[in-house]
Amino acid sequence: MEVVDLPTELEPLYFVCLADWSPEIKEMGTKKERWYRNKKEKGLRVKVAKDGNGVVGGMIHYLPIEESNAEGRDLYFVNCIWVHRNKQGRGDFTGKGMGTALLKAAEQDAKSLGAKGMVAWGLSLPAFMRASWFKKHGYTKIDRIGAIVLLWKPFTDTAQAPKWIRAKKTPGRIPGKVSVACFVSGWCPSMNIVYERAKRAAAEFGDRVEFTEYDTLDRRVFHEWGMMDALFVDDREVRTGPPPSYDKIRKKISKRIQRL
């Protein structure tokens, strides 16, 4: 196994989170690439793991915490660590230590950059980015919003604990119309798919629906609302993990139209 910095020729594979085989991933648009170009200038680091045959099976990306949705100083934040586990495409690489190798390499890199600690998010549910997995690697829980746990591993005694940036407000209703509001930063293909589906579904209803995009790649927009990625139909947040289907989003909008 080998962990290396993301080479230019593998950028397209990174943009689709190694799922170049998936028809669904083709719905995501170009926001991930836009996010990457923006954050790379602000300290984003990306590494990929290759097996003995040189096949990429895992990836991790992390950046200064000031560019994340958590507060902190002199820390790096892990946006995502992913080991490909689908039998389709490149195959299942889980159980081979790739995740551990990627996290270790990222921590070493962050230390070399002067970071005082590493921060990650994890789910308290048995799903993607499990908080329990990070705990096994020396991370401790420091904050929580629902099932989303903020964890960290300080490297020095002077490291200051981070905390989540919380939502400051939510979109309201629009008189005589249904409001569809999507907050999207671009970092996650799943949320980018949600954005594309919601925008397409909203357009189907013409002027009865007003679609609003909140581009949280703009830090001013993010700090105004305190939300990085979210979908609202009127004043109700729609669960976006895993991404709801186009039909499900359309159905939610249709139900709200019937109540106008």
C-alpha atoms as a PDB file:
ATOM      1  CA  MET A   1       0.000   0.000   0.000  1.00  0.00           C
ATOM      2  CA  GLU A   2       1.108   3.533  -0.776  1.00  0.00           C
ATOM      3  CA  VAL A   3      -0.322   6.895   0.360  1.00  0.00           C
ATOM      4  CA  VAL A   4       0.551   9.857  -1.867  1.00  0.00           C
ATOM      5  CA  ASP A   5      -0.499  13.445  -2.438  1.00  0.00           C
ATOM      6  CA  LEU A   6      -3.213  13.732  -5.075  1.00  0.00           C
ATOM      7  CA  PRO A   7      -1.523  13.964  -8.487  1.00  0.00           C
ATOM      8  CA  THR A   8      -3.041  16.166 -11.180  1.00  0.00           C
ATOM      9  CA  GLU A   9      -4.021  13.216 -13.355  1.00  0.00           C
ATOM     10  CA  LEU A  10      -6.176  11.779 -10.550  1.00  0.00           C
ATOM     11  CA  GLU A  11      -8.079  14.982  -9.814  1.00  0.00           C
ATOM     12  CA  PRO A  12     -11.125  13.905 -11.917  1.00  0.00           C
ATOM     13  CA  LEU A  13     -11.304  10.678  -9.882  1.00  0.00           C
ATOM     14  CA  TYR A  14     -11.147  12.651  -6.643  1.00  0.00           C
ATOM     15  CA  PHE A  15     -13.928  14.979  -7.784  1.00  0.00           C
ATOM     16  CA  VAL A  16     -16.302  11.981  -7.963  1.00  0.00           C
ATOM     17  CA  CYS A  17     -14.997  10.384  -4.746  1.00  0.00           C
ATOM     18  CA  LEU A  18     -13.654   7.358  -6.650  1.00  0.00           C
ATOM     19  CA  ALA A  19     -17.147   6.553  -7.980  1.00  0.00           C
ATOM     20  CA  ASP A  20     -16.428   7.153 -11.672  1.00  0.00           C
ATOM     21  CA  TRP A  21     -18.477   4.012 -12.418  1.00  0.00           C
ATOM     22  CA  SER A  22     -21.699   5.376 -10.904  1.00  0.00           C
ATOM     23  CA  PRO A  23     -24.490   6.819 -13.116  1.00  0.00           C
ATOM     24  CA  GLU A  24     -25.782   8.732 -10.066  1.00  0.00           C
ATOM     25  CA  ILE A  25     -22.500  10.570  -9.563  1.00  0.00           C
ATOM     26  CA  LYS A  26     -22.921  12.107 -13.014  1.00  0.00           C
ATOM     27  CA  GLU A  27     -25.752  14.210 -11.558  1.00  0.00           C
ATOM     28  CA  MET A  28     -23.435  16.132  -9.253  1.00  0.00           C
ATOM     29  CA  GLY A  29     -22.333  18.887 -11.641  1.00  0.00           C
ATOM     30  CA  THR A  30     -19.036  20.764 -11.267  1.00  0.00           C
ATOM     31  CA  LYS A  31     -19.278  22.208  -7.758  1.00  0.00           C
ATOM     32  CA  LYS A  32     -16.742  19.775  -6.269  1.00  0.00           C
ATOM     33  CA  GLU A  33     -14.050  20.906  -8.697  1.00  0.00           C
ATOM     34  CA  ARG A  34     -14.892  24.549  -7.988  1.00  0.00           C
ATOM     35  CA  TRP A  35     -14.629  23.916  -4.247  1.00  0.00           C
ATOM     36  CA  TYR A  36     -11.291  22.126  -4.711  1.00  0.00           C
ATOM     37  CA  ARG A  37      -9.730  24.944  -6.750  1.00  0.00           C
ATOM     38  CA  ASN A  38     -10.877  27.497  -4.172  1.00  0.00           C
ATOM     39  CA  LYS A  39      -9.779  25.615  -1.062  1.00  0.00           C
ATOM     40  CA  LYS A  40      -6.491  24.413  -2.527  1.00  0.00           C
ATOM     41  CA  GLU A  41      -5.343  28.027  -2.442  1.00  0.00           C
ATOM     42  CA  LYS A  42      -6.343  28.159   1.232  1.00  0.00           C
ATOM     43  CA  GLY A  43      -4.521  25.080   2.503  1.00  0.00           C
ATOM     44  CA  LEU A  44      -6.591  22.098   1.360  1.00  0.00           C
ATOM     45  CA  ARG A  45      -4.608  18.843   1.310  1.00  0.00           C
ATOM     46  CA  VAL A  46      -5.686  15.653  -0.472  1.00  0.00           C
ATOM     47  CA  LYS A  47      -4.085  12.217  -0.300  1.00  0.00           C
ATOM     48  CA  VAL A  48      -4.994   8.954  -1.981  1.00  0.00           C
ATOM     49  CA  ALA A  49      -4.127   5.379  -1.085  1.00  0.00           C
ATOM     50  CA  LYS A  50      -3.063   2.827  -3.696  1.00  0.00           C
ATOM     51  CA  ASP A  51      -2.952  -0.932  -3.298  1.00  0.00           C
ATOM     52  CA  GLY A  52      -0.036  -3.134  -4.349  1.00  0.00           C
ATOM     53  CA  ASN A  53      -1.194  -2.971  -7.954  1.00  0.00           C
ATOM     54  CA  GLY A  54      -1.306   0.821  -7.974  1.00  0.00           C
ATOM     55  CA  VAL A  55      -5.122   0.980  -7.924  1.00  0.00           C
ATOM     56  CA  VAL A  56      -6.560   3.897  -5.940  1.00  0.00           C
ATOM     57  CA  GLY A  57      -8.857   2.569  -3.230  1.00  0.00           C
ATOM     58  CA  GLY A  58      -9.092   5.390  -0.699  1.00  0.00           C
ATOM     59  CA  MET A  59      -8.818   9.138  -0.208  1.00  0.00           C
ATOM     60  CA  ILE A  60      -8.727  11.777   2.505  1.00  0.00           C
ATOM     61  CA  HIS A  61      -8.962  15.541   2.371  1.00  0.00           C
ATOM     62  CA  TYR A  62      -8.358  18.011   5.169  1.00  0.00           C
ATOM     63  CA  LEU A  63      -7.874  21.744   5.495  1.00  0.00           C
ATOM     64  CA  PRO A  64      -7.273  24.496   8.050  1.00  0.00           C
ATOM     65  CA  ILE A  65     -10.195  24.549  10.477  1.00  0.00           C
ATOM     66  CA  GLU A  66     -10.844  28.194   9.613  1.00  0.00           C
ATOM     67  CA  GLU A  67     -12.134  26.948   6.229  1.00  0.00           C
ATOM     68  CA  SER A  68     -14.497  24.381   7.772  1.00  0.00           C
ATOM     69  CA  ASN A  69     -17.814  24.527   9.619  1.00  0.00           C
ATOM     70  CA  ALA A  70     -16.143  24.375  13.031  1.00  0.00           C
ATOM     71  CA  GLU A  71     -14.362  27.004  15.114  1.00  0.00           C
ATOM     72  CA  GLY A  72     -10.770  26.583  16.213  1.00  0.00           C
ATOM     73  CA  ARG A  73      -7.162  27.705  15.882  1.00  0.00           C
ATOM     74  CA  ASP A  74      -3.996  26.007  14.638  1.00  0.00           C
ATOM     75  CA  LEU A  75      -5.935  22.858  13.779  1.00  0.00           C
ATOM     76  CA  TYR A  76      -6.678  20.881  10.617  1.00  0.00           C
ATOM     77  CA  PHE A  77     -10.153  19.541   9.871  1.00  0.00           C
ATOM     78  CA  VAL A  78     -10.874  16.244   8.091  1.00  0.00           C
ATOM     79  CA  ASN A  79     -13.753  16.846   5.693  1.00  0.00           C
ATOM     80  CA  CYS A  80     -13.841  13.283   4.462  1.00  0.00           C
ATOM     81  CA  ILE A  81     -11.998   9.999   4.578  1.00  0.00           C
ATOM     82  CA  TRP A  82     -13.338   7.394   2.198  1.00  0.00           C
ATOM     83  CA  VAL A  83     -12.298   3.869   1.300  1.00  0.00           C
ATOM     84  CA  HIS A  84     -14.097   2.512  -1.751  1.00  0.00           C
ATOM     85  CA  ARG A  85     -16.361  -0.367  -0.685  1.00  0.00           C
ATOM     86  CA  ASN A  86     -18.609  -1.017  -3.653  1.00  0.00           C
ATOM     87  CA  LYS A  87     -18.082  -4.191  -5.668  1.00  0.00           C
ATOM     88  CA  GLN A  88     -18.819  -2.151  -8.767  1.00  0.00           C
ATOM     89  CA  GLY A  89     -16.080  -0.039 -10.253  1.00  0.00           C
ATOM     90  CA  ARG A  90     -12.704  -0.463  -8.621  1.00  0.00           C
ATOM     91  CA  GLY A  91     -13.942  -2.921  -5.984  1.00  0.00           C
ATOM     92  CA  ASP A  92     -14.037  -3.282  -2.212  1.00  0.00           C
ATOM     93  CA  PHE A  93     -10.901  -2.029  -0.431  1.00  0.00           C
ATOM     94  CA  THR A  94     -12.238  -2.148   3.122  1.00  0.00           C
ATOM     95  CA  GLY A  95     -10.525  -4.232   5.792  1.00  0.00           C
ATOM     96  CA  LYS A  96      -7.058  -3.643   4.358  1.00  0.00           C
ATOM     97  CA  GLY A  97      -5.952  -0.792   6.632  1.00  0.00           C
ATOM     98  CA  MET A  98      -6.305   1.940   4.014  1.00  0.00           C
ATOM     99  CA  GLY A  99      -8.381   4.203   6.229  1.00  0.00           C
ATOM    100  CA  THR A 100      -5.895   3.962   9.076  1.00  0.00           C
ATOM    101  CA  ALA A 101      -2.974   4.628   6.723  1.00  0.00           C
ATOM    102  CA  LEU A 102      -4.701   7.669   5.231  1.00  0.00           C
ATOM    103  CA  LEU A 103      -5.533   9.171   8.625  1.00  0.00           C
ATOM    104  CA  LYS A 104      -2.016   8.577   9.932  1.00  0.00           C
ATOM    105  CA  ALA A 105      -0.481  10.207   6.852  1.00  0.00           C
ATOM    106  CA  ALA A 106      -2.798  13.209   7.196  1.00  0.00           C
ATOM    107  CA  GLU A 107      -1.942  13.618  10.880  1.00  0.00           C
ATOM    108  CA  GLN A 108       1.783  13.500  10.153  1.00  0.00           C
ATOM    109  CA  ASP A 109       1.343  16.050   7.374  1.00  0.00           C
ATOM    110  CA  ALA A 110      -0.692  18.369   9.608  1.00  0.00           C
ATOM    111  CA  LYS A 111       1.999  18.176  12.308  1.00  0.00           C
ATOM    112  CA  SER A 112       4.657  19.088   9.748  1.00  0.00           C
ATOM    113  CA  LEU A 113       2.571  22.139   8.832  1.00  0.00           C
ATOM    114  CA  GLY A 114       2.568  23.294  12.459  1.00  0.00           C
ATOM    115  CA  ALA A 115      -0.922  22.146  13.431  1.00  0.00           C
ATOM    116  CA  LYS A 116      -1.571  21.634  17.136  1.00  0.00           C
ATOM    117  CA  GLY A 117      -4.221  19.008  16.518  1.00  0.00           C
ATOM    118  CA  MET A 118      -6.521  17.229  14.085  1.00  0.00           C
ATOM    119  CA  VAL A 119     -10.297  17.568  14.054  1.00  0.00           C
ATOM    120  CA  ALA A 120     -12.846  15.302  12.392  1.00  0.00           C
ATOM    121  CA  TRP A 121     -16.575  14.803  12.254  1.00  0.00           C
ATOM    122  CA  GLY A 122     -18.291  11.470  12.652  1.00  0.00           C
ATOM    123  CA  LEU A 123     -21.767  10.008  12.857  1.00  0.00           C
ATOM    124  CA  SER A 124     -23.011   8.378  16.040  1.00  0.00           C
ATOM    125  CA  LEU A 125     -24.897   5.977  13.749  1.00  0.00           C
ATOM    126  CA  PRO A 126     -23.309   2.866  12.163  1.00  0.00           C
ATOM    127  CA  ALA A 127     -22.783   4.526   8.791  1.00  0.00           C
ATOM    128  CA  PHE A 128     -20.229   6.484   6.769  1.00  0.00           C
ATOM    129  CA  MET A 129     -17.639   8.427   8.840  1.00  0.00           C
ATOM    130  CA  ARG A 130     -18.455   6.635  12.088  1.00  0.00           C
ATOM    131  CA  ALA A 131     -17.486   8.519  15.239  1.00  0.00           C
ATOM    132  CA  SER A 132     -16.577   5.203  16.860  1.00  0.00           C
ATOM    133  CA  TRP A 133     -13.892   4.608  14.207  1.00  0.00           C
ATOM    134  CA  PHE A 134     -12.180   7.891  15.035  1.00  0.00           C
ATOM    135  CA  LYS A 135     -12.375   7.099  18.754  1.00  0.00           C
ATOM    136  CA  LYS A 136     -10.429   3.895  18.068  1.00  0.00           C
ATOM    137  CA  HIS A 137      -7.724   6.073  16.552  1.00  0.00           C
ATOM    138  CA  GLY A 138      -7.317   8.297  19.592  1.00  0.00           C
ATOM    139  CA  TYR A 139      -9.946  10.959  18.928  1.00  0.00           C
ATOM    140  CA  THR A 140     -12.275  12.201  21.647  1.00  0.00           C
ATOM    141  CA  LYS A 141     -15.732  13.738  21.374  1.00  0.00           C
ATOM    142  CA  ILE A 142     -15.766  17.482  21.970  1.00  0.00           C
ATOM    143  CA  ASP A 143     -19.109  18.698  20.566  1.00  0.00           C
ATOM    144  CA  ARG A 144     -22.271  17.404  18.943  1.00  0.00           C
ATOM    145  CA  ILE A 145     -25.229  18.488  16.803  1.00  0.00           C
ATOM    146  CA  GLY A 146     -27.764  15.672  16.689  1.00  0.00           C
ATOM    147  CA  ALA A 147     -26.060  12.569  15.319  1.00  0.00           C
ATOM    148  CA  ILE A 148     -23.090  14.562  13.986  1.00  0.00           C
ATOM    149  CA  VAL A 149     -20.191  14.389  16.437  1.00  0.00           C
ATOM    150  CA  LEU A 150     -17.143  16.670  16.462  1.00  0.00           C
ATOM    151  CA  LEU A 151     -13.973  14.853  17.542  1.00  0.00           C
ATOM    152  CA  TRP A 152     -10.373  15.876  17.904  1.00  0.00           C
ATOM    153  CA  LYS A 153      -6.866  14.667  18.670  1.00  0.00           C
ATOM    154  CA  PRO A 154      -4.604  17.360  20.162  1.00  0.00           C
ATOM    155  CA  PHE A 155      -0.923  17.127  19.275  1.00  0.00           C
ATOM    156  CA  THR A 156       0.280  19.573  21.942  1.00  0.00           C
ATOM    157  CA  ASP A 157      -0.716  20.667  25.444  1.00  0.00           C
ATOM    158  CA  THR A 158      -1.415  24.176  24.137  1.00  0.00           C
ATOM    159  CA  ALA A 159      -4.039  23.090  21.604  1.00  0.00           C
ATOM    160  CA  GLN A 160      -7.435  24.716  22.104  1.00  0.00           C
ATOM    161  CA  ALA A 161     -10.567  22.598  21.737  1.00  0.00           C
ATOM    162  CA  PRO A 162     -12.763  23.281  18.691  1.00  0.00           C
ATOM    163  CA  LYS A 163     -16.551  23.558  18.557  1.00  0.00           C
ATOM    164  CA  TRP A 164     -19.271  23.414  15.924  1.00  0.00           C
ATOM    165  CA  ILE A 165     -20.499  26.571  14.249  1.00  0.00           C
ATOM    166  CA  ARG A 166     -24.257  26.375  14.709  1.00  0.00           C
ATOM    167  CA  ALA A 167     -27.123  27.551  12.526  1.00  0.00           C
ATOM    168  CA  LYS A 168     -28.033  31.182  13.146  1.00  0.00           C
ATOM    169  CA  LYS A 169     -31.292  31.235  11.187  1.00  0.00           C
ATOM    170  CA  THR A 170     -33.281  29.235   8.644  1.00  0.00           C
ATOM    171  CA  PRO A 171     -35.122  30.224   5.455  1.00  0.00           C
ATOM    172  CA  GLY A 172     -38.739  31.210   5.885  1.00  0.00           C
ATOM    173  CA  ARG A 173     -41.821  30.848   3.716  1.00  0.00           C
ATOM    174  CA  ILE A 174     -42.688  33.034   0.745  1.00  0.00           C
ATOM    175  CA  PRO A 175     -46.306  34.241   0.566  1.00  0.00           C
ATOM    176  CA  GLY A 176     -48.186  32.568  -2.301  1.00  0.00           C
ATOM    177  CA  LYS A 177     -45.292  30.333  -3.293  1.00  0.00           C
ATOM    178  CA  VAL A 178     -43.359  27.313  -2.148  1.00  0.00           C
ATOM    179  CA  SER A 179     -39.789  28.102  -1.195  1.00  0.00           C
ATOM    180  CA  VAL A 180     -37.024  25.626  -2.005  1.00  0.00           C
ATOM    181  CA  ALA A 181     -33.716  26.731  -0.481  1.00  0.00           C
ATOM    182  CA  CYS A 182     -30.467  24.840  -0.916  1.00  0.00           C
ATOM    183  CA  PHE A 183     -27.275  25.606   0.993  1.00  0.00           C
ATOM    184  CA  VAL A 184     -24.348  24.081  -0.866  1.00  0.00           C
ATOM    185  CA  SER A 185     -20.593  24.500  -0.498  1.00  0.00           C
ATOM    186  CA  GLY A 186     -19.486  21.974  -3.108  1.00  0.00           C
ATOM    187  CA  TRP A 187     -17.207  19.752  -1.016  1.00  0.00           C
ATOM    188  CA  CYS A 188     -19.501  16.713  -0.947  1.00  0.00           C
ATOM    189  CA  PRO A 189     -20.774  15.016  -4.138  1.00  0.00           C
ATOM    190  CA  SER A 190     -23.824  13.709  -2.248  1.00  0.00           C
ATOM    191  CA  MET A 191     -24.959  17.230  -1.383  1.00  0.00           C
ATOM    192  CA  ASN A 192     -24.135  18.407  -4.887  1.00  0.00           C
ATOM    193  CA  ILE A 193     -26.479  15.712  -6.210  1.00  0.00           C
ATOM    194  CA  VAL A 194     -29.181  16.937  -3.813  1.00  0.00           C
ATOM    195  CA  TYR A 195     -28.706  20.469  -5.122  1.00  0.00           C
ATOM    196  CA  GLU A 196     -29.036  19.412  -8.760  1.00  0.00           C
ATOM    197  CA  ARG A 197     -32.146  17.324  -8.053  1.00  0.00           C
ATOM    198  CA  ALA A 198     -33.810  20.026  -5.979  1.00  0.00           C
ATOM    199  CA  LYS A 199     -33.130  22.710  -8.571  1.00  0.00           C
ATOM    200  CA  ARG A 200     -34.526  20.520 -11.355  1.00  0.00           C
ATOM    201  CA  ALA A 201     -37.585  19.523  -9.325  1.00  0.00           C
ATOM    202  CA  ALA A 202     -38.347  23.134  -8.364  1.00  0.00           C
ATOM    203  CA  ALA A 203     -38.132  24.268 -11.988  1.00  0.00           C
ATOM    204  CA  GLU A 204     -40.800  21.735 -12.938  1.00  0.00           C
ATOM    205  CA  PHE A 205     -43.463  23.739 -11.084  1.00  0.00           C
ATOM    206  CA  GLY A 206     -42.765  27.055 -12.761  1.00  0.00           C
ATOM    207  CA  ASP A 207     -43.521  30.276 -10.910  1.00  0.00           C
ATOM    208  CA  ARG A 208     -45.341  28.453  -8.100  1.00  0.00           C
ATOM    209  CA  VAL A 209     -41.941  27.599  -6.639  1.00  0.00           C
ATOM    210  CA  GLU A 210     -39.028  29.891  -5.886  1.00  0.00           C
ATOM    211  CA  PHE A 211     -35.648  28.167  -5.785  1.00  0.00           C
ATOM    212  CA  THR A 212     -32.844  29.901  -3.899  1.00  0.00           C
ATOM    213  CA  GLU A 213     -29.229  28.786  -3.827  1.00  0.00           C
ATOM    214  CA  TYR A 214     -27.047  29.826  -0.899  1.00  0.00           C
ATOM    215  CA  ASP A 215     -23.447  29.485  -2.035  1.00  0.00           C
ATOM    216  CA  THR A 216     -21.638  28.728   1.213  1.00  0.00           C
ATOM    217  CA  LEU A 217     -18.300  28.451  -0.523  1.00  0.00           C
ATOM    218  CA  ASP A 218     -18.509  32.189   0.117  1.00  0.00           C
ATOM    219  CA  ARG A 219     -17.539  32.367   3.795  1.00  0.00           C
ATOM    220  CA  ARG A 220     -19.641  35.489   4.277  1.00  0.00           C
ATOM    221  CA  VAL A 221     -22.754  33.544   3.300  1.00  0.00           C
ATOM    222  CA  PHE A 222     -21.785  30.629   5.501  1.00  0.00           C
ATOM    223  CA  HIS A 223     -21.195  32.800   8.572  1.00  0.00           C
ATOM    224  CA  GLU A 224     -24.439  34.709   7.985  1.00  0.00           C
ATOM    225  CA  TRP A 225     -26.479  31.500   8.197  1.00  0.00           C
ATOM    226  CA  GLY A 226     -24.184  29.136  10.109  1.00  0.00           C
ATOM    227  CA  MET A 227     -25.019  26.294   7.708  1.00  0.00           C
ATOM    228  CA  MET A 228     -22.712  24.642   5.189  1.00  0.00           C
ATOM    229  CA  ASP A 229     -25.004  22.205   3.358  1.00  0.00           C
ATOM    230  CA  ALA A 230     -28.771  21.826   3.776  1.00  0.00           C
ATOM    231  CA  LEU A 231     -32.064  21.662   1.886  1.00  0.00           C
ATOM    232  CA  PHE A 232     -35.309  23.319   2.955  1.00  0.00           C
ATOM    233  CA  VAL A 233     -38.781  23.101   1.444  1.00  0.00           C
ATOM    234  CA  ASP A 234     -40.569  26.098   2.913  1.00  0.00           C
ATOM    235  CA  ASP A 235     -39.384  26.237   6.535  1.00  0.00           C
ATOM    236  CA  ARG A 236     -38.819  22.487   6.871  1.00  0.00           C
ATOM    237  CA  GLU A 237     -35.376  20.950   6.524  1.00  0.00           C
ATOM    238  CA  VAL A 238     -35.174  17.881   4.298  1.00  0.00           C
ATOM    239  CA  ARG A 239     -32.925  15.037   5.355  1.00  0.00           C
ATOM    240  CA  THR A 240     -30.110  14.805   2.810  1.00  0.00           C
ATOM    241  CA  GLY A 241     -28.112  11.791   3.941  1.00  0.00           C
ATOM    242  CA  PRO A 242     -28.273   9.628   1.941  1.00  0.00           C
ATOM    243  CA  PRO A 243     -29.379  11.903  -0.921  1.00  0.00           C
ATOM    244  CA  PRO A 244     -33.169  11.804  -1.383  1.00  0.00           C
ATOM    245  CA  SER A 245     -34.253  10.783  -4.866  1.00  0.00           C
ATOM    246  CA  TYR A 246     -35.502  13.292  -7.397  1.00  0.00           C
ATOM    247  CA  ASP A 247     -39.016  11.828  -7.062  1.00  0.00           C
ATOM    248  CA  LYS A 248     -38.953  12.212  -3.273  1.00  0.00           C
ATOM    249  CA  ILE A 249     -37.908  15.860  -3.488  1.00  0.00           C
ATOM    250  CA  ARG A 250     -40.509  16.531  -6.156  1.00  0.00           C
ATOM    251  CA  LYS A 251     -43.194  14.892  -4.022  1.00  0.00           C
ATOM    252  CA  LYS A 252     -42.335  17.095  -1.027  1.00  0.00           C
ATOM    253  CA  ILE A 253     -42.603  20.207  -3.171  1.00  0.00           C
ATOM    254  CA  SER A 254     -45.895  19.023  -4.697  1.00  0.00           C
ATOM    255  CA  LYS A 255     -47.435  18.458  -1.263  1.00  0.00           C
ATOM    256  CA  ARG A 256     -46.546  21.984  -0.205  1.00  0.00           C
ATOM    257  CA  ILE A 257     -48.025  23.415  -3.401  1.00  0.00           C
ATOM    258  CA  GLN A 258     -51.312  21.666  -2.646  1.00  0.00           C
ATOM    259  CA  ARG A 259     -51.479  23.604   0.626  1.00  0.00           C
ATOM    260  CA  LEU A 260     -51.070  27.028  -0.932  1.00  0.00           C
END
